Structure formats: structure tokens, C-alpha cells
N, C-alpha and C. Protein backbone atom coordinates (compact mmCIF):
# COMPACT_ATOMS: atom_id res chain seq x y z
N MET A 1 0.85 -1.16 0.00
CA MET A 1 0.00 0.00 0.00
C MET A 1 0.90 1.23 0.00
N THR A 2 0.56 2.20 -0.81
CA THR A 2 1.35 3.44 -0.91
C THR A 2 0.48 4.61 -0.53
N PHE A 3 1.11 5.52 0.20
CA PHE A 3 0.41 6.73 0.61
C PHE A 3 0.98 7.89 -0.17
N HIS A 4 0.10 8.73 -0.67
CA HIS A 4 0.51 9.95 -1.37
C HIS A 4 0.16 11.13 -0.51
N GLN A 5 1.13 11.97 -0.34
CA GLN A 5 0.91 13.15 0.47
C GLN A 5 0.81 14.35 -0.48
N PRO A 6 -0.24 15.15 -0.31
CA PRO A 6 -0.38 16.34 -1.17
C PRO A 6 0.70 17.36 -0.82
N PRO A 7 1.04 18.17 -1.73
CA PRO A 7 2.07 19.18 -1.44
C PRO A 7 1.58 20.14 -0.36
N PRO A 8 2.50 20.64 0.46
CA PRO A 8 2.11 21.55 1.53
C PRO A 8 1.54 22.85 0.97
N GLN A 9 0.51 23.31 1.66
CA GLN A 9 -0.10 24.57 1.28
C GLN A 9 -0.13 25.46 2.50
N PRO A 10 -0.01 26.72 2.27
CA PRO A 10 -0.03 27.62 3.43
C PRO A 10 -1.38 27.57 4.12
N GLU A 11 -1.31 27.63 5.41
CA GLU A 11 -2.50 27.55 6.23
C GLU A 11 -2.95 28.97 6.54
N HIS A 12 -4.23 29.17 6.48
CA HIS A 12 -4.77 30.50 6.76
C HIS A 12 -5.49 30.44 8.08
N ARG A 13 -4.84 30.94 9.10
CA ARG A 13 -5.43 31.02 10.44
C ARG A 13 -5.24 32.41 10.94
N PRO A 14 -6.16 32.80 11.79
CA PRO A 14 -5.95 34.11 12.39
C PRO A 14 -4.77 34.07 13.34
N GLN A 15 -4.16 35.22 13.57
CA GLN A 15 -3.01 35.33 14.45
C GLN A 15 -3.40 34.80 15.83
N GLY A 16 -2.61 33.83 16.41
CA GLY A 16 -2.82 33.31 17.76
C GLY A 16 -3.83 32.19 17.83
N ALA A 17 -4.33 31.67 16.69
CA ALA A 17 -5.31 30.60 16.75
C ALA A 17 -4.66 29.29 17.13
N GLY A 18 -3.45 29.03 16.65
CA GLY A 18 -2.72 27.80 16.98
C GLY A 18 -3.39 26.59 16.39
N PRO A 19 -2.77 25.43 16.55
CA PRO A 19 -3.37 24.20 16.03
C PRO A 19 -4.62 23.83 16.80
N PHE A 20 -5.59 23.27 16.16
CA PHE A 20 -6.89 22.87 16.71
C PHE A 20 -7.66 24.05 17.27
N GLY A 21 -7.27 25.25 16.95
CA GLY A 21 -7.98 26.43 17.41
C GLY A 21 -7.94 26.57 18.92
N LEU A 22 -6.83 26.20 19.53
CA LEU A 22 -6.74 26.24 20.98
C LEU A 22 -6.25 27.57 21.49
N GLY A 23 -5.97 28.49 20.63
CA GLY A 23 -5.54 29.80 21.08
C GLY A 23 -4.07 29.85 21.41
N LEU A 24 -3.29 28.87 20.93
CA LEU A 24 -1.85 28.90 21.17
C LEU A 24 -1.20 29.84 20.17
N PRO A 25 -0.24 30.60 20.61
CA PRO A 25 0.42 31.53 19.66
C PRO A 25 1.22 30.75 18.64
N THR A 26 1.06 31.10 17.38
CA THR A 26 1.81 30.43 16.32
C THR A 26 2.86 31.35 15.73
N GLY A 27 2.59 32.56 15.73
CA GLY A 27 3.56 33.52 15.15
C GLY A 27 3.42 33.59 13.65
N PRO A 28 3.81 34.70 13.03
CA PRO A 28 3.64 34.87 11.59
C PRO A 28 4.60 34.03 10.78
N ALA A 29 5.76 33.65 11.31
CA ALA A 29 6.76 32.97 10.50
C ALA A 29 6.64 31.46 10.59
N GLN A 30 5.68 30.92 11.33
CA GLN A 30 5.59 29.47 11.49
C GLN A 30 5.00 28.87 10.24
N PRO A 31 5.66 27.86 9.68
CA PRO A 31 5.14 27.28 8.44
C PRO A 31 3.92 26.39 8.72
N ALA A 32 3.08 26.32 7.75
CA ALA A 32 1.84 25.55 7.87
C ALA A 32 2.14 24.07 7.88
N ARG A 33 3.20 23.64 7.27
CA ARG A 33 3.54 22.23 7.18
C ARG A 33 3.78 21.62 8.56
N GLY A 34 4.44 22.31 9.47
CA GLY A 34 4.69 21.81 10.83
C GLY A 34 3.40 21.60 11.58
N SER A 35 2.43 22.45 11.39
CA SER A 35 1.14 22.32 12.07
C SER A 35 0.41 21.08 11.60
N ARG A 36 0.49 20.83 10.34
CA ARG A 36 -0.19 19.63 9.83
C ARG A 36 0.49 18.36 10.32
N ARG A 37 1.78 18.41 10.39
CA ARG A 37 2.50 17.23 10.87
C ARG A 37 2.09 16.94 12.32
N TRP A 38 2.03 18.00 13.10
CA TRP A 38 1.62 17.83 14.50
C TRP A 38 0.19 17.31 14.56
N LEU A 39 -0.65 17.87 13.72
CA LEU A 39 -2.04 17.45 13.68
C LEU A 39 -2.14 15.99 13.27
N LYS A 40 -1.37 15.60 12.26
CA LYS A 40 -1.40 14.24 11.74
C LYS A 40 -0.90 13.25 12.79
N TYR A 41 0.27 13.53 13.38
CA TYR A 41 0.84 12.60 14.37
C TYR A 41 0.08 12.66 15.69
N GLY A 42 -0.43 13.79 16.04
CA GLY A 42 -1.22 13.93 17.27
C GLY A 42 -2.51 13.16 17.18
N ALA A 43 -3.16 13.22 15.98
CA ALA A 43 -4.40 12.50 15.79
C ALA A 43 -4.15 11.00 15.83
N VAL A 44 -3.05 10.56 15.22
CA VAL A 44 -2.71 9.13 15.25
C VAL A 44 -2.43 8.70 16.69
N ALA A 45 -1.71 9.54 17.41
CA ALA A 45 -1.40 9.20 18.81
C ALA A 45 -2.68 9.14 19.64
N LEU A 46 -3.59 10.08 19.42
CA LEU A 46 -4.84 10.12 20.17
C LEU A 46 -5.69 8.89 19.86
N VAL A 47 -5.80 8.51 18.59
CA VAL A 47 -6.57 7.34 18.22
C VAL A 47 -5.93 6.08 18.82
N SER A 48 -4.60 6.00 18.77
CA SER A 48 -3.90 4.84 19.34
C SER A 48 -4.13 4.75 20.84
N LEU A 49 -4.12 5.91 21.49
CA LEU A 49 -4.35 5.95 22.93
C LEU A 49 -5.75 5.45 23.26
N LEU A 50 -6.76 5.93 22.51
CA LEU A 50 -8.13 5.51 22.77
C LEU A 50 -8.33 4.02 22.50
N ILE A 51 -7.75 3.53 21.41
CA ILE A 51 -7.87 2.10 21.10
C ILE A 51 -7.17 1.27 22.17
N GLY A 52 -5.97 1.72 22.57
CA GLY A 52 -5.23 1.00 23.62
C GLY A 52 -5.99 0.99 24.93
N ALA A 53 -6.58 2.13 25.27
CA ALA A 53 -7.35 2.20 26.52
C ALA A 53 -8.58 1.30 26.42
N GLY A 54 -9.21 1.26 25.26
CA GLY A 54 -10.37 0.40 25.07
C GLY A 54 -9.99 -1.06 25.19
N ILE A 55 -8.89 -1.43 24.55
CA ILE A 55 -8.43 -2.82 24.63
C ILE A 55 -8.04 -3.15 26.07
N GLY A 56 -7.35 -2.20 26.68
CA GLY A 56 -6.94 -2.42 28.08
C GLY A 56 -8.14 -2.58 28.99
N ALA A 57 -9.16 -1.74 28.80
CA ALA A 57 -10.35 -1.83 29.63
C ALA A 57 -11.08 -3.14 29.36
N ARG A 58 -11.19 -3.49 28.09
CA ARG A 58 -11.83 -4.75 27.75
C ARG A 58 -11.02 -5.92 28.27
N GLY A 59 -9.73 -5.85 28.11
CA GLY A 59 -8.84 -6.91 28.61
C GLY A 59 -8.93 -7.03 30.12
N ASP A 60 -9.03 -5.88 30.82
CA ASP A 60 -9.12 -5.93 32.28
C ASP A 60 -10.41 -6.59 32.73
N SER A 61 -11.54 -6.20 32.10
CA SER A 61 -12.81 -6.76 32.55
C SER A 61 -12.90 -8.23 32.17
N ALA A 62 -12.46 -8.58 30.95
CA ALA A 62 -12.50 -9.97 30.55
C ALA A 62 -11.49 -10.77 31.35
N GLY A 63 -10.30 -10.19 31.50
CA GLY A 63 -9.26 -10.88 32.26
C GLY A 63 -9.66 -11.06 33.71
N THR A 64 -10.35 -10.06 34.25
CA THR A 64 -10.79 -10.16 35.64
C THR A 64 -11.79 -11.29 35.79
N GLY A 65 -12.69 -11.40 34.84
CA GLY A 65 -13.67 -12.49 34.88
C GLY A 65 -12.99 -13.84 34.79
N GLU A 66 -12.02 -13.95 33.88
CA GLU A 66 -11.32 -15.21 33.72
C GLU A 66 -10.49 -15.51 34.96
N ALA A 67 -9.82 -14.49 35.48
CA ALA A 67 -9.00 -14.70 36.67
C ALA A 67 -9.87 -15.11 37.85
N THR A 68 -11.06 -14.49 37.93
CA THR A 68 -11.95 -14.84 39.04
C THR A 68 -12.39 -16.29 38.91
N ALA A 69 -12.74 -16.69 37.69
CA ALA A 69 -13.15 -18.07 37.49
C ALA A 69 -11.99 -19.01 37.77
N ALA A 70 -10.79 -18.64 37.32
CA ALA A 70 -9.62 -19.48 37.55
C ALA A 70 -9.29 -19.53 39.03
N ASP A 71 -9.45 -18.40 39.73
CA ASP A 71 -9.14 -18.36 41.16
C ASP A 71 -10.05 -19.29 41.95
N THR A 72 -11.33 -19.36 41.56
CA THR A 72 -12.24 -20.21 42.32
C THR A 72 -11.92 -21.67 42.10
N LYS A 73 -11.35 -22.00 40.95
CA LYS A 73 -10.99 -23.39 40.67
C LYS A 73 -9.63 -23.73 41.27
N ALA A 74 -8.72 -22.77 41.33
CA ALA A 74 -7.36 -23.04 41.72
C ALA A 74 -7.18 -23.15 43.23
N GLY A 75 -8.11 -22.67 44.01
CA GLY A 75 -7.95 -22.76 45.46
C GLY A 75 -7.54 -21.42 46.04
N PRO A 76 -7.12 -21.41 47.28
CA PRO A 76 -6.80 -20.14 47.95
C PRO A 76 -5.54 -19.51 47.40
N ARG A 77 -5.52 -18.20 47.45
CA ARG A 77 -4.34 -17.47 47.01
C ARG A 77 -3.31 -17.46 48.14
N PRO A 78 -2.05 -17.32 47.80
CA PRO A 78 -1.03 -17.26 48.87
C PRO A 78 -1.20 -16.00 49.70
N THR A 79 -0.86 -16.09 50.97
CA THR A 79 -0.96 -14.97 51.88
C THR A 79 0.44 -14.45 52.17
N VAL A 80 0.57 -13.14 52.13
CA VAL A 80 1.85 -12.52 52.43
C VAL A 80 1.80 -12.02 53.86
N THR A 81 2.76 -12.39 54.66
CA THR A 81 2.82 -11.96 56.05
C THR A 81 4.01 -11.04 56.24
N VAL A 82 3.74 -9.89 56.83
CA VAL A 82 4.81 -8.94 57.09
C VAL A 82 5.03 -8.93 58.60
N THR A 83 6.25 -9.17 59.01
CA THR A 83 6.58 -9.18 60.42
C THR A 83 7.34 -7.92 60.76
N GLU A 84 6.84 -7.21 61.75
CA GLU A 84 7.53 -6.01 62.19
C GLU A 84 8.40 -6.36 63.38
N THR A 85 9.58 -5.81 63.38
CA THR A 85 10.49 -6.02 64.49
C THR A 85 10.40 -4.80 65.39
N ALA A 86 10.24 -5.05 66.68
CA ALA A 86 10.13 -3.95 67.63
C ALA A 86 11.47 -3.22 67.72
N ALA A 87 11.38 -1.93 67.95
CA ALA A 87 12.59 -1.14 68.08
C ALA A 87 13.38 -1.61 69.29
N ALA A 88 14.69 -1.47 69.24
CA ALA A 88 15.55 -1.92 70.33
C ALA A 88 15.27 -1.15 71.61
N GLU A 89 14.73 0.04 71.48
CA GLU A 89 14.48 0.87 72.64
C GLU A 89 13.19 0.49 73.36
N ALA A 90 12.33 -0.28 72.70
CA ALA A 90 11.03 -0.62 73.29
C ALA A 90 11.23 -1.54 74.49
N GLU A 91 10.30 -1.46 75.44
CA GLU A 91 10.38 -2.30 76.62
C GLU A 91 10.00 -3.73 76.22
N PRO A 92 10.62 -4.72 76.84
CA PRO A 92 10.27 -6.10 76.49
C PRO A 92 8.83 -6.40 76.91
N ALA A 93 8.22 -7.31 76.19
CA ALA A 93 6.84 -7.70 76.48
C ALA A 93 6.80 -8.40 77.82
N PRO A 94 5.71 -8.23 78.56
CA PRO A 94 5.62 -8.89 79.86
C PRO A 94 5.52 -10.41 79.68
N THR A 95 6.06 -11.14 80.63
CA THR A 95 6.01 -12.59 80.60
C THR A 95 4.71 -13.04 81.25
N VAL A 96 4.00 -13.91 80.56
CA VAL A 96 2.73 -14.41 81.07
C VAL A 96 2.95 -15.86 81.49
N THR A 97 2.61 -16.16 82.71
CA THR A 97 2.76 -17.51 83.22
C THR A 97 1.38 -18.04 83.56
N GLU A 98 1.09 -19.22 83.06
CA GLU A 98 -0.19 -19.83 83.33
C GLU A 98 0.05 -21.09 84.15
N THR A 99 -0.64 -21.20 85.25
CA THR A 99 -0.50 -22.37 86.11
C THR A 99 -1.62 -23.35 85.77
N VAL A 100 -1.22 -24.55 85.46
CA VAL A 100 -2.19 -25.59 85.12
C VAL A 100 -2.11 -26.65 86.20
N THR A 101 -3.25 -26.95 86.77
CA THR A 101 -3.31 -27.98 87.80
C THR A 101 -3.84 -29.25 87.18
N ALA A 102 -3.07 -30.31 87.33
CA ALA A 102 -3.48 -31.59 86.76
C ALA A 102 -4.63 -32.15 87.57
N LYS A 103 -5.62 -32.61 86.86
CA LYS A 103 -6.77 -33.21 87.53
C LYS A 103 -6.47 -34.69 87.77
N PRO A 104 -6.80 -35.18 88.94
CA PRO A 104 -6.54 -36.60 89.20
C PRO A 104 -7.42 -37.47 88.33
N LYS A 105 -6.92 -38.62 88.01
CA LYS A 105 -7.69 -39.56 87.20
C LYS A 105 -8.91 -40.01 88.00
N LYS A 106 -10.00 -40.15 87.27
CA LYS A 106 -11.19 -40.66 87.93
C LYS A 106 -11.01 -42.16 88.15
N THR A 107 -11.26 -42.55 89.35
CA THR A 107 -11.17 -43.97 89.66
C THR A 107 -12.58 -44.48 89.91
N LYS A 108 -12.70 -45.75 89.78
CA LYS A 108 -14.01 -46.35 90.04
C LYS A 108 -14.33 -46.18 91.51
N LYS A 109 -15.60 -46.02 91.77
CA LYS A 109 -16.04 -45.94 93.16
C LYS A 109 -15.62 -47.22 93.85
N PRO A 110 -15.08 -47.05 95.03
CA PRO A 110 -14.70 -48.29 95.71
C PRO A 110 -15.95 -49.13 95.98
N GLY A 111 -15.83 -50.37 95.67
CA GLY A 111 -16.96 -51.27 95.90
C GLY A 111 -16.98 -51.71 97.35
N PRO A 112 -17.77 -52.68 97.60
CA PRO A 112 -17.82 -53.21 98.96
C PRO A 112 -16.45 -53.72 99.39
N ALA A 113 -16.17 -53.61 100.66
CA ALA A 113 -14.87 -53.99 101.20
C ALA A 113 -14.67 -55.50 101.16
N THR A 114 -13.40 -55.90 101.11
CA THR A 114 -13.05 -57.32 101.18
C THR A 114 -12.36 -57.64 102.50
N GLY A 115 -12.30 -56.64 103.33
CA GLY A 115 -11.75 -56.80 104.68
C GLY A 115 -12.39 -55.76 105.58
N PHE A 116 -12.67 -56.11 106.83
CA PHE A 116 -13.35 -55.16 107.72
C PHE A 116 -13.02 -55.50 109.16
N SER A 117 -13.34 -54.56 110.04
CA SER A 117 -13.00 -54.74 111.46
C SER A 117 -13.89 -55.80 112.11
N GLY A 118 -13.48 -56.24 113.27
CA GLY A 118 -14.22 -57.28 114.00
C GLY A 118 -15.33 -56.72 114.86
N GLU A 119 -15.68 -55.45 114.72
CA GLU A 119 -16.75 -54.82 115.48
C GLU A 119 -17.70 -54.12 114.52
N GLY A 120 -18.98 -54.43 114.53
CA GLY A 120 -19.95 -53.70 113.73
C GLY A 120 -20.97 -54.58 113.06
N GLU A 121 -21.86 -53.91 112.31
CA GLU A 121 -22.90 -54.61 111.57
C GLU A 121 -22.77 -54.16 110.11
N PHE A 122 -22.76 -55.09 109.16
CA PHE A 122 -22.49 -54.80 107.75
C PHE A 122 -23.55 -55.43 106.86
N VAL A 123 -23.91 -54.72 105.77
CA VAL A 123 -24.85 -55.27 104.79
C VAL A 123 -24.00 -55.90 103.68
N VAL A 124 -24.23 -57.18 103.44
CA VAL A 124 -23.46 -57.92 102.43
C VAL A 124 -23.92 -57.47 101.04
N GLY A 125 -22.98 -57.06 100.22
CA GLY A 125 -23.28 -56.56 98.87
C GLY A 125 -23.21 -55.04 98.82
N GLU A 126 -23.38 -54.37 99.96
CA GLU A 126 -23.25 -52.90 100.03
C GLU A 126 -21.99 -52.51 100.79
N ASP A 127 -21.88 -52.99 102.03
CA ASP A 127 -20.73 -52.64 102.86
C ASP A 127 -19.56 -53.60 102.62
N ILE A 128 -19.87 -54.87 102.48
CA ILE A 128 -18.84 -55.89 102.25
C ILE A 128 -19.28 -56.78 101.10
N LYS A 129 -18.28 -57.33 100.40
CA LYS A 129 -18.58 -58.21 99.26
C LYS A 129 -19.04 -59.57 99.77
N PRO A 130 -19.93 -60.20 98.99
CA PRO A 130 -20.31 -61.57 99.34
C PRO A 130 -19.09 -62.49 99.20
N GLY A 131 -19.04 -63.56 99.94
CA GLY A 131 -17.94 -64.51 99.85
C GLY A 131 -17.64 -65.12 101.20
N THR A 132 -16.52 -65.85 101.26
CA THR A 132 -16.10 -66.52 102.49
C THR A 132 -15.03 -65.67 103.17
N TYR A 133 -15.20 -65.47 104.48
CA TYR A 133 -14.28 -64.64 105.27
C TYR A 133 -13.73 -65.47 106.42
N LYS A 134 -12.52 -65.07 106.87
CA LYS A 134 -11.95 -65.76 108.03
C LYS A 134 -11.41 -64.73 109.01
N THR A 135 -11.32 -65.11 110.25
CA THR A 135 -10.76 -64.28 111.30
C THR A 135 -9.79 -65.12 112.12
N ALA A 136 -8.85 -64.44 112.77
CA ALA A 136 -7.87 -65.14 113.61
C ALA A 136 -8.47 -65.53 114.96
N GLY A 137 -9.64 -64.99 115.25
CA GLY A 137 -10.31 -65.36 116.51
C GLY A 137 -10.66 -64.14 117.32
N PRO A 138 -10.84 -64.36 118.65
CA PRO A 138 -11.29 -63.29 119.51
C PRO A 138 -10.24 -62.21 119.73
N GLU A 139 -10.72 -61.00 119.97
CA GLU A 139 -9.87 -59.87 120.30
C GLU A 139 -10.01 -59.73 121.82
N GLY A 140 -9.24 -60.41 122.55
CA GLY A 140 -9.37 -60.42 124.01
C GLY A 140 -9.76 -61.82 124.48
N GLY A 141 -10.28 -61.95 125.67
CA GLY A 141 -10.51 -63.26 126.25
C GLY A 141 -11.94 -63.71 126.30
N PHE A 142 -12.91 -62.95 125.85
CA PHE A 142 -14.32 -63.33 126.02
C PHE A 142 -14.92 -64.07 124.83
N GLY A 143 -14.21 -64.34 123.78
CA GLY A 143 -14.74 -65.02 122.61
C GLY A 143 -15.18 -64.04 121.52
N CYS A 144 -15.25 -64.53 120.30
CA CYS A 144 -15.61 -63.74 119.10
C CYS A 144 -17.00 -64.17 118.69
N TYR A 145 -17.95 -63.24 118.69
CA TYR A 145 -19.33 -63.56 118.30
C TYR A 145 -19.59 -63.02 116.90
N TRP A 146 -20.18 -63.88 116.04
CA TRP A 146 -20.65 -63.44 114.72
C TRP A 146 -22.06 -63.93 114.51
N GLU A 147 -22.78 -63.18 113.61
CA GLU A 147 -24.17 -63.53 113.34
C GLU A 147 -24.54 -63.15 111.91
N ARG A 148 -25.18 -64.10 111.20
CA ARG A 148 -25.76 -63.83 109.88
C ARG A 148 -27.25 -63.67 110.10
N ALA A 149 -27.85 -62.57 109.52
CA ALA A 149 -29.29 -62.34 109.75
C ALA A 149 -29.98 -61.94 108.45
N LYS A 150 -31.32 -62.16 108.41
CA LYS A 150 -32.13 -61.78 107.24
C LYS A 150 -32.32 -60.28 107.17
N ASN A 151 -32.37 -59.62 108.33
CA ASN A 151 -32.57 -58.17 108.39
C ASN A 151 -31.88 -57.63 109.64
N SER A 152 -32.02 -56.34 109.86
CA SER A 152 -31.35 -55.70 110.99
C SER A 152 -32.27 -55.51 112.20
N SER A 153 -33.36 -56.26 112.25
CA SER A 153 -34.35 -56.07 113.32
C SER A 153 -33.83 -56.48 114.70
N GLY A 154 -32.90 -57.43 114.74
CA GLY A 154 -32.40 -57.92 116.03
C GLY A 154 -33.29 -58.99 116.64
N GLU A 155 -34.36 -59.35 115.96
CA GLU A 155 -35.29 -60.39 116.44
C GLU A 155 -34.63 -61.76 116.29
N PHE A 156 -35.03 -62.69 117.16
CA PHE A 156 -34.46 -64.04 117.17
C PHE A 156 -34.74 -64.78 115.86
N ASP A 157 -35.93 -64.62 115.31
CA ASP A 157 -36.28 -65.34 114.08
C ASP A 157 -35.61 -64.76 112.83
N ALA A 158 -34.91 -63.60 112.93
CA ALA A 158 -34.17 -63.03 111.80
C ALA A 158 -32.79 -63.67 111.65
N ILE A 159 -32.30 -64.41 112.69
CA ILE A 159 -30.96 -65.01 112.65
C ILE A 159 -30.96 -66.23 111.72
N ILE A 160 -30.00 -66.22 110.76
CA ILE A 160 -29.81 -67.36 109.85
C ILE A 160 -28.83 -68.33 110.51
N ALA A 161 -27.71 -67.80 111.02
CA ALA A 161 -26.69 -68.61 111.70
C ALA A 161 -25.88 -67.70 112.60
N ASN A 162 -25.23 -68.28 113.65
CA ASN A 162 -24.35 -67.51 114.52
C ASN A 162 -23.38 -68.46 115.20
N ASN A 163 -22.35 -67.88 115.84
CA ASN A 163 -21.37 -68.72 116.53
C ASN A 163 -20.58 -67.84 117.48
N ASN A 164 -19.99 -68.50 118.50
CA ASN A 164 -19.12 -67.83 119.45
C ASN A 164 -17.79 -68.55 119.37
N LEU A 165 -16.76 -67.90 118.77
CA LEU A 165 -15.46 -68.53 118.50
C LEU A 165 -14.49 -68.26 119.65
N ASN A 166 -13.67 -69.28 119.95
CA ASN A 166 -12.56 -69.11 120.89
C ASN A 166 -11.24 -69.16 120.14
N GLY A 167 -11.26 -69.44 118.85
CA GLY A 167 -10.06 -69.49 118.01
C GLY A 167 -10.43 -69.01 116.61
N PRO A 168 -9.58 -69.34 115.63
CA PRO A 168 -9.87 -68.91 114.27
C PRO A 168 -11.18 -69.50 113.76
N GLY A 169 -11.81 -68.77 112.80
CA GLY A 169 -13.07 -69.23 112.25
C GLY A 169 -13.33 -68.68 110.86
N ARG A 170 -14.31 -69.34 110.19
CA ARG A 170 -14.70 -68.94 108.83
C ARG A 170 -16.21 -68.82 108.79
N VAL A 171 -16.67 -67.93 107.82
CA VAL A 171 -18.11 -67.79 107.61
C VAL A 171 -18.32 -67.40 106.15
N THR A 172 -19.39 -67.95 105.53
CA THR A 172 -19.73 -67.60 104.14
C THR A 172 -20.96 -66.71 104.17
N LEU A 173 -20.83 -65.56 103.50
CA LEU A 173 -21.89 -64.54 103.52
C LEU A 173 -22.48 -64.38 102.12
N ASP A 174 -23.82 -64.30 102.04
CA ASP A 174 -24.53 -64.12 100.77
C ASP A 174 -25.06 -62.70 100.65
N LYS A 175 -25.22 -62.26 99.42
CA LYS A 175 -25.70 -60.90 99.15
C LYS A 175 -27.07 -60.69 99.77
N GLY A 176 -27.26 -59.52 100.42
CA GLY A 176 -28.53 -59.17 101.02
C GLY A 176 -28.62 -59.51 102.50
N GLU A 177 -27.68 -60.32 103.01
CA GLU A 177 -27.67 -60.67 104.42
C GLU A 177 -27.06 -59.53 105.25
N TYR A 178 -27.32 -59.60 106.55
CA TYR A 178 -26.71 -58.68 107.51
C TYR A 178 -25.72 -59.49 108.33
N PHE A 179 -24.49 -58.95 108.51
CA PHE A 179 -23.46 -59.66 109.27
C PHE A 179 -23.09 -58.80 110.46
N LYS A 180 -23.21 -59.40 111.63
CA LYS A 180 -22.90 -58.71 112.88
C LYS A 180 -21.71 -59.42 113.52
N THR A 181 -20.71 -58.64 114.00
CA THR A 181 -19.52 -59.21 114.61
C THR A 181 -19.16 -58.39 115.85
N ASN A 182 -18.74 -59.10 116.94
CA ASN A 182 -18.35 -58.44 118.20
C ASN A 182 -17.09 -59.11 118.75
N ARG A 183 -16.14 -58.32 119.22
CA ARG A 183 -14.92 -58.75 119.92
C ARG A 183 -14.08 -59.70 119.08
N CYS A 184 -14.09 -59.54 117.74
CA CYS A 184 -13.29 -60.40 116.85
C CYS A 184 -12.14 -59.60 116.25
N GLN A 185 -11.11 -60.33 115.84
CA GLN A 185 -10.05 -59.68 115.09
C GLN A 185 -10.58 -59.41 113.67
N GLU A 186 -9.79 -58.74 112.86
CA GLU A 186 -10.21 -58.32 111.50
C GLU A 186 -10.62 -59.54 110.67
N TRP A 187 -11.71 -59.36 109.88
CA TRP A 187 -12.17 -60.36 108.96
C TRP A 187 -11.59 -60.06 107.58
N LYS A 188 -11.11 -61.11 106.88
CA LYS A 188 -10.52 -60.96 105.54
C LYS A 188 -11.19 -61.95 104.60
N ARG A 189 -11.44 -61.51 103.39
CA ARG A 189 -12.09 -62.37 102.38
C ARG A 189 -11.06 -63.35 101.85
N VAL A 190 -11.44 -64.62 101.81
CA VAL A 190 -10.53 -65.67 101.32
C VAL A 190 -11.14 -66.44 100.15
N GLY A 191 -12.33 -66.11 99.75
CA GLY A 191 -12.94 -66.81 98.62
C GLY A 191 -14.29 -66.32 98.28
């Protein structure tokens, strides 16, 4: 493609009109050819600027849409962390101390005892475990008395079995019974 440029012709403008009629002083000796060149290249530059801005604006909006779609598929964006260092003159941060008290482990509730003193009345299954118990005998010289009963009434017909020991002895206790012992050494479960 070939461009033909017409020969320069003098421009007729009033004094001080300047290019594009902006009122810029041109002076009487300024040739008309320079004004046209400025007009020609200025217009090309202006059109290029507008086209570039249009493409840039279109590219930004389209690119933003694509980037947004890509960002949602790609996952989280990296995070930039800026760490500030305190000035050397600043006071040091206070030390915080936290006291933690360890909680004791929960243990099972102690069940009925497997050993008990030779004095008292006990409910088998609540106070003492059912089973066979033995004692070394009397605590002192008057003998060791024990009694198995259906209830704690103290009535004669509530007694299941009883004995007065002068030496070691054994007794088997069932759940729900009442066991009464007087003047005996400690009873220990043996079975």
C-alpha cells in the first residue's frame, strides 16, 4: 500500500489561533507544514491511545472475569505476612505464666470392702462383698461372736446362723444378708 501526500499549502489562520484552534500563539513565521504534521501525528497518537485504553479496559474486565473463574478453581491465594520487628528501645513484652493444675484420674467408686473390722454390723453386697471370710479369733478373752441375719431387726427369728469362737473361724456370707460381729479380730475375704 502506498500513501501519497499532497504538497504543503499555506494555512490561513488568524493570528494566535494555533493548532486545533486552541488559542496557542503560532507567530507569523511558522510554516503551515509543521502544524499539519503535529495534527497528523497527534491524531494518530490520540486514536492509538483511545484504542489501547479500550483494549486495556476490555482486557481488564474480561481478564478479571477469567482470573476470578480461575481463582475459584485453583484454590486459595497465597498470603503474604509482614513481620515487624520492635525497636531496640522498646520495653520487652511482659512474661505471662499460666498455672495448670493436673486433675486426678477418675477412679471407680470403691466397691464393697473385702476386709473389715471385728466390730460392727455390715450389709453384704453394700458394705462388704459376698464370699467366704476368716478371722484369727477373739480380740481379748471373752470369745468372738458373729451372726448372719435376714434383716437388721435384732429379732431371734431373723438369725440365719451364729457362733461364738474361741479361736480362728470362717463364715460364708450371701448378698442381702446382715453380718454382725463383736470382739473379733479383722475379717478378711478368702474366697
